[in-house]
N, C-alpha and C. Protein backbone atom coordinates (compact mmCIF):
# COMPACT_ATOMS: atom_id res chain seq x y z
N UNK A 1 21.19 -3.90 10.65
CA UNK A 1 20.11 -2.15 10.24
C UNK A 1 19.00 -1.92 10.74
N UNK A 2 18.87 -0.70 11.09
CA UNK A 2 17.67 -0.10 11.36
C UNK A 2 16.48 0.11 10.53
N UNK A 3 14.93 -0.43 10.93
CA UNK A 3 13.63 -0.23 10.31
C UNK A 3 13.96 0.64 10.31
N UNK A 4 12.89 1.54 9.31
CA UNK A 4 12.04 2.49 9.18
C UNK A 4 10.71 2.76 10.15
N UNK A 5 10.20 3.15 11.02
CA UNK A 5 9.18 3.03 11.91
C UNK A 5 8.08 3.85 10.62
N UNK A 6 6.57 2.70 10.42
CA UNK A 6 5.95 2.73 9.47
C UNK A 6 5.20 3.98 8.96
N UNK A 7 5.03 4.23 10.43
CA UNK A 7 4.44 6.09 10.41
C UNK A 7 5.50 6.58 9.38
N UNK A 8 6.82 6.49 9.62
CA UNK A 8 7.50 7.62 9.28
C UNK A 8 7.33 7.30 7.32
N UNK A 9 7.38 5.89 7.29
CA UNK A 9 6.69 5.73 6.08
C UNK A 9 5.99 5.96 5.18
N UNK A 10 4.79 5.96 5.85
CA UNK A 10 3.65 6.36 5.18
C UNK A 10 3.68 7.32 4.69
N UNK A 11 3.49 8.31 5.93
CA UNK A 11 4.13 9.99 5.66
C UNK A 11 4.81 9.92 4.38
N UNK A 12 6.04 9.78 4.37
CA UNK A 12 6.63 10.09 3.05
C UNK A 12 5.67 9.18 1.89
N UNK A 13 5.33 8.48 1.74
CA UNK A 13 4.52 7.89 0.56
C UNK A 13 3.78 8.57 0.14
N UNK A 14 2.98 9.43 1.29
CA UNK A 14 1.67 10.30 0.83
C UNK A 14 1.97 11.58 0.93
N UNK A 15 3.40 12.00 1.11
CA UNK A 15 3.98 13.42 0.59
C UNK A 15 4.19 13.38 -0.75
N UNK A 16 4.85 12.02 -1.35
CA UNK A 16 5.39 11.71 -2.26
C UNK A 16 4.18 11.72 -3.61
N UNK A 17 2.65 10.71 -2.85
CA UNK A 17 1.77 11.35 -4.23
C UNK A 17 1.40 12.62 -3.96
N UNK A 18 1.26 13.08 -3.09
CA UNK A 18 0.86 14.55 -2.94
C UNK A 18 1.20 15.45 -4.16
N UNK A 19 2.95 15.72 -4.19
CA UNK A 19 3.63 16.58 -4.87
C UNK A 19 3.23 16.03 -6.20
N UNK A 20 2.93 14.79 -6.35
CA UNK A 20 2.59 14.43 -8.23
C UNK A 20 1.28 14.57 -8.33
N UNK A 21 0.22 15.25 -7.40
CA UNK A 21 -1.29 15.04 -8.03
C UNK A 21 -1.81 14.19 -7.50
N UNK A 22 -1.59 13.07 -7.02
CA UNK A 22 -2.38 11.85 -7.10
C UNK A 22 -3.39 11.62 -5.78
N UNK A 23 -4.10 11.35 -5.32
CA UNK A 23 -4.77 11.83 -4.26
C UNK A 23 -4.47 10.01 -3.43
N UNK A 24 -4.68 10.17 -1.87
CA UNK A 24 -4.47 9.37 -1.69
C UNK A 24 -4.96 9.17 0.18
N UNK A 25 -5.04 8.10 0.82
CA UNK A 25 -5.76 8.38 2.07
C UNK A 25 -5.58 7.02 3.33
N UNK A 26 -5.34 7.34 4.35
CA UNK A 26 -4.84 6.39 4.92
C UNK A 26 -6.44 5.76 5.59
N UNK A 27 -6.78 4.85 5.41
CA UNK A 27 -8.31 4.11 5.28
C UNK A 27 -8.38 3.13 6.76
N UNK A 28 -7.13 2.76 6.68
CA UNK A 28 -6.59 2.20 8.78
C UNK A 28 -5.16 2.66 8.89
N UNK A 29 -5.38 2.82 10.33
CA UNK A 29 -4.01 3.18 11.09
C UNK A 29 -3.68 2.04 11.70
N UNK A 30 -2.09 1.43 11.71
CA UNK A 30 -1.71 0.27 12.34
C UNK A 30 -0.94 0.55 13.02
N UNK A 31 -0.45 -0.28 13.39
CA UNK A 31 1.22 0.07 14.40
C UNK A 31 1.96 1.02 13.63
N UNK A 32 1.93 2.17 14.56
CA UNK A 32 2.98 3.39 14.00
C UNK A 32 4.32 2.94 13.49
N UNK A 33 5.07 1.82 14.54
CA UNK A 33 6.64 1.48 14.54
C UNK A 33 6.41 0.09 13.94
N UNK A 34 5.67 -0.51 13.75
CA UNK A 34 6.22 -1.85 12.95
C UNK A 34 4.82 -2.68 12.09
N UNK A 35 3.61 -1.45 11.99
CA UNK A 35 2.88 -2.36 11.77
C UNK A 35 2.68 -2.66 9.56
N UNK A 36 2.51 -3.58 9.05
CA UNK A 36 2.18 -4.14 7.58
C UNK A 36 1.57 -3.12 6.90
N UNK A 37 1.54 -2.37 5.58
CA UNK A 37 1.10 -1.45 4.84
C UNK A 37 0.59 -2.29 3.44
N UNK A 38 -0.71 -1.84 3.32
CA UNK A 38 -1.45 -2.44 1.93
C UNK A 38 -1.50 -1.24 1.19
N UNK A 39 -1.69 -1.22 0.21
CA UNK A 39 -1.65 -0.18 -0.61
C UNK A 39 -3.13 -0.54 -1.28
N UNK A 40 -4.44 0.38 -2.14
CA UNK A 40 -5.02 -0.33 -2.64
C UNK A 40 -5.18 0.71 -3.96
N UNK A 41 -5.07 0.72 -4.93
CA UNK A 41 -4.93 1.66 -6.00
C UNK A 41 -6.24 1.70 -6.82
N UNK A 42 -7.10 2.07 -6.17
CA UNK A 42 -8.73 2.44 -7.18
C UNK A 42 -8.36 3.20 -8.72
N UNK A 43 -8.39 3.03 -10.27
CA UNK A 43 -8.63 3.26 -10.78
C UNK A 43 -9.84 3.67 -11.18
N UNK A 44 -10.67 4.06 -10.19
CA UNK A 44 -12.52 4.93 -10.55
C UNK A 44 -12.78 4.29 -12.05
N UNK A 45 -12.60 3.32 -11.65
CA UNK A 45 -13.50 2.67 -13.27
C UNK A 45 -14.08 1.22 -12.33
N UNK A 46 -13.96 1.23 -11.17
CA UNK A 46 -15.05 -0.22 -10.86
C UNK A 46 -13.95 -1.02 -10.51
N UNK A 47 -12.33 -0.88 -10.88
CA UNK A 47 -11.45 -2.05 -10.51
C UNK A 47 -10.64 -1.43 -9.97
N UNK A 48 -9.58 -2.59 -9.30
CA UNK A 48 -8.69 -2.08 -8.71
C UNK A 48 -7.26 -3.09 -8.17
N UNK A 49 -6.47 -2.90 -7.84
CA UNK A 49 -5.50 -3.56 -7.53
C UNK A 49 -4.23 -3.32 -6.03
N UNK A 50 -4.54 -4.37 -5.11
CA UNK A 50 -4.04 -4.46 -3.91
C UNK A 50 -2.47 -4.67 -4.40
N UNK A 51 -1.53 -4.16 -3.17
CA UNK A 51 -0.22 -4.46 -3.08
C UNK A 51 0.02 -4.64 -1.42
N UNK A 52 1.32 -5.68 -1.22
CA UNK A 52 1.83 -5.47 -0.48
C UNK A 52 3.11 -5.79 -0.18
N UNK A 53 3.99 -5.32 0.89
CA UNK A 53 5.47 -5.24 0.55
C UNK A 53 5.98 -6.59 0.85
N UNK A 54 6.90 -7.21 0.34
CA UNK A 54 7.30 -8.41 1.53
C UNK A 54 8.67 -8.56 0.87
N UNK A 55 9.22 -9.46 1.87
CA UNK A 55 11.01 -9.22 1.88
C UNK A 55 11.11 -10.64 0.89
N UNK A 56 12.08 -10.21 -0.17
CA UNK A 56 12.42 -11.53 -0.54
C UNK A 56 14.07 -12.52 -0.77
N UNK A 57 14.40 -13.79 -0.42
CA UNK A 57 14.61 -14.31 0.54
C UNK A 57 15.77 -14.74 0.14
N UNK A 58 15.70 -14.17 -1.75
CA UNK A 58 16.87 -14.66 -2.79
C UNK A 58 17.73 -12.99 -2.83
N UNK A 59 17.10 -12.02 -2.71
CA UNK A 59 18.16 -10.83 -3.10
C UNK A 59 18.06 -9.90 -1.78
N UNK A 60 17.30 -10.08 -0.85
CA UNK A 60 17.44 -9.66 0.02
C UNK A 60 16.53 -8.21 -0.14
N UNK A 61 15.99 -8.19 -1.14
CA UNK A 61 15.16 -7.03 -1.11
C UNK A 61 14.14 -7.13 -0.74
N UNK A 62 13.40 -5.55 -0.46
CA UNK A 62 11.85 -5.52 -0.02
C UNK A 62 11.17 -5.35 -1.54
N UNK A 63 10.33 -5.98 -1.91
CA UNK A 63 9.35 -5.75 -2.96
C UNK A 63 8.26 -5.76 -2.97
N UNK A 64 7.02 -4.98 -4.33
CA UNK A 64 5.90 -4.85 -3.57
C UNK A 64 5.17 -5.82 -4.53
N UNK A 65 4.21 -6.53 -4.11
CA UNK A 65 3.51 -7.35 -5.00
C UNK A 65 2.07 -7.50 -4.95
N UNK A 66 1.46 -8.02 -6.11
CA UNK A 66 0.31 -7.24 -6.10
C UNK A 66 -0.29 -8.50 -5.43
N UNK A 67 -1.62 -8.76 -4.77
CA UNK A 67 -1.76 -9.53 -4.21
C UNK A 67 -3.88 -10.09 -4.63
N UNK A 68 -4.08 -8.59 -5.37
CA UNK A 68 -5.70 -8.43 -5.46
C UNK A 68 -5.29 -7.77 -7.11
N UNK A 69 -6.44 -8.45 -7.86
CA UNK A 69 -6.42 -7.50 -8.89
C UNK A 69 -7.76 -7.21 -9.77
N UNK A 70 -8.29 -6.44 -10.04
CA UNK A 70 -9.66 -7.20 -10.62
C UNK A 70 -10.97 -6.04 -10.31
N UNK A 71 -12.31 -6.80 -10.10
CA UNK A 71 -13.29 -5.25 -9.62
C UNK A 71 -12.51 -4.90 -7.77
N UNK A 72 -13.30 -3.40 -7.59
CA UNK A 72 -12.82 -3.14 -6.11
C UNK A 72 -13.43 -4.06 -5.23
N UNK A 73 -14.41 -4.89 -5.01
CA UNK A 73 -15.05 -5.62 -4.42
C UNK A 73 -14.12 -6.63 -4.30
N UNK A 74 -13.57 -7.16 -5.34
CA UNK A 74 -12.63 -8.26 -4.54
C UNK A 74 -11.29 -7.61 -3.83
N UNK A 75 -10.71 -6.38 -4.42
CA UNK A 75 -9.71 -5.72 -3.52
C UNK A 75 -10.18 -5.34 -2.02
N UNK A 76 -11.38 -5.32 -1.85
CA UNK A 76 -12.27 -5.01 -0.89
C UNK A 76 -12.39 -6.54 0.26
N UNK A 77 -13.14 -7.15 -0.22
CA UNK A 77 -13.00 -8.17 0.43
C UNK A 77 -11.21 -9.00 0.76
N UNK A 78 -10.38 -8.77 -0.14
CA UNK A 78 -8.66 -9.39 0.25
C UNK A 78 -8.24 -8.60 1.69
N UNK A 79 -8.92 -7.35 1.26
CA UNK A 79 -8.50 -6.47 2.34
C UNK A 79 -8.56 -6.58 4.05
N UNK A 80 -10.25 -6.91 3.82
CA UNK A 80 -10.92 -7.44 4.73
C UNK A 80 -10.71 -8.59 5.55
N UNK A 81 -10.03 -9.72 4.26
CA UNK A 81 -9.80 -11.14 5.20
C UNK A 81 -8.35 -10.83 5.79
N UNK A 82 -7.58 -9.58 5.08
CA UNK A 82 -6.34 -9.27 5.30
C UNK A 82 -5.99 -8.22 7.22
N UNK A 83 -7.32 -7.72 7.23
CA UNK A 83 -7.21 -6.81 8.47
C UNK A 83 -8.23 -8.09 9.65
N UNK A 84 -8.59 -8.89 9.22
CA UNK A 84 -9.44 -9.51 10.35
C UNK A 84 -7.88 -10.48 10.88
N UNK A 85 -6.88 -10.82 10.18
CA UNK A 85 -5.73 -11.15 10.93
C UNK A 85 -4.26 -11.02 11.58
N UNK A 86 -4.35 -9.44 11.05
CA UNK A 86 -3.65 -8.37 10.70
C UNK A 86 -4.53 -7.33 11.95
N UNK A 87 -4.66 -6.96 12.96
CA UNK A 87 -5.18 -5.96 13.61
C UNK A 87 -4.21 -4.10 13.23
N UNK A 88 -2.69 -4.81 13.25
CA UNK A 88 -1.74 -3.50 13.27
C UNK A 88 -1.41 -3.22 11.88
N UNK A 89 -2.57 -3.60 10.81
CA UNK A 89 -2.66 -2.78 8.81
C UNK A 89 -2.64 -2.21 9.36
N UNK A 90 -1.60 -1.38 8.26
CA UNK A 90 -1.71 0.14 7.64
C UNK A 90 -2.94 -0.36 6.24
N UNK A 91 -3.61 0.68 5.95
CA UNK A 91 -4.68 0.44 4.36
C UNK A 91 -4.14 1.66 4.20
N UNK A 92 -3.36 2.15 2.91
CA UNK A 92 -3.55 3.39 1.69
C UNK A 92 -4.41 3.13 0.46
N UNK A 93 -5.61 4.08 0.57
CA UNK A 93 -6.16 3.36 -0.29
C UNK A 93 -5.55 5.21 -1.45
N UNK A 94 -5.16 4.77 -3.12
CA UNK A 94 -4.49 5.52 -3.86
C UNK A 94 -5.76 5.90 -4.68
N UNK A 95 -6.11 6.79 -5.90
CA UNK A 95 -6.88 6.95 -6.59
C UNK A 95 -6.19 7.76 -7.44
N UNK A 96 -6.34 6.88 -8.60
CA UNK A 96 -5.77 7.47 -10.33
C UNK A 96 -6.38 6.81 -11.37
N UNK A 97 -7.07 6.86 -12.22
CA UNK A 97 -7.52 6.75 -13.55
C UNK A 97 -5.98 6.31 -14.09
N UNK A 98 -5.06 7.00 -14.03
CA UNK A 98 -3.99 6.07 -15.03
C UNK A 98 -3.22 4.84 -14.27
N UNK A 99 -4.08 4.51 -13.23
CA UNK A 99 -2.90 3.68 -12.79
C UNK A 99 -1.57 3.54 -11.81
N UNK A 100 -1.00 4.90 -11.39
CA UNK A 100 -0.29 5.41 -11.42
C UNK A 100 -0.05 5.06 -9.56
N UNK A 101 1.15 4.32 -8.91
CA UNK A 101 1.08 4.29 -7.44
C UNK A 101 2.06 4.52 -6.85
N UNK A 102 2.97 5.00 -7.44
CA UNK A 102 4.79 5.16 -7.44
C UNK A 102 5.53 3.72 -6.44
N UNK A 103 4.52 3.00 -5.52
CA UNK A 103 5.52 2.16 -5.47
C UNK A 103 6.76 1.29 -5.98
N UNK A 104 6.97 1.76 -6.82
CA UNK A 104 7.81 1.02 -7.95
C UNK A 104 9.47 1.90 -8.51
N UNK A 105 8.82 3.24 -7.68
CA UNK A 105 10.07 4.37 -7.73
C UNK A 105 11.21 4.01 -6.39
N UNK A 106 12.44 4.38 -6.73
CA UNK A 106 13.48 4.34 -5.61
C UNK A 106 12.93 5.42 -4.19
N UNK A 107 13.42 4.58 -3.56
CA UNK A 107 12.81 5.02 -2.01
C UNK A 107 11.97 4.57 -1.50
N UNK A 108 11.19 4.00 -2.26
CA UNK A 108 9.03 2.97 -1.22
C UNK A 108 9.39 1.86 -1.40
N UNK A 109 10.74 1.48 -1.63
CA UNK A 109 10.63 -0.67 -1.32
C UNK A 109 11.00 -0.37 0.34
């Protein structure tokens, strides 16, 4: 099975967010072909969630796991730690007061 290049997935994700008027920004650009992606959801109230995609060995699916939740400073600390261990990491920040990130929609896994 051919794997979708990261830069194509990121572009498609940003387009889907833009179509429903959810602001999003690429904070760190990683490897265009195979960089991992972290999504930070900033709810603009001082809190944030951080999501990372992983491969579920039991089902064979790719799923988005929440790896941080709470004060935005905690999410930023988790991002910094991840970035130190993976310089090819993409970081996307989504800003939505309603907490929408679209990662649970079909086609984004």
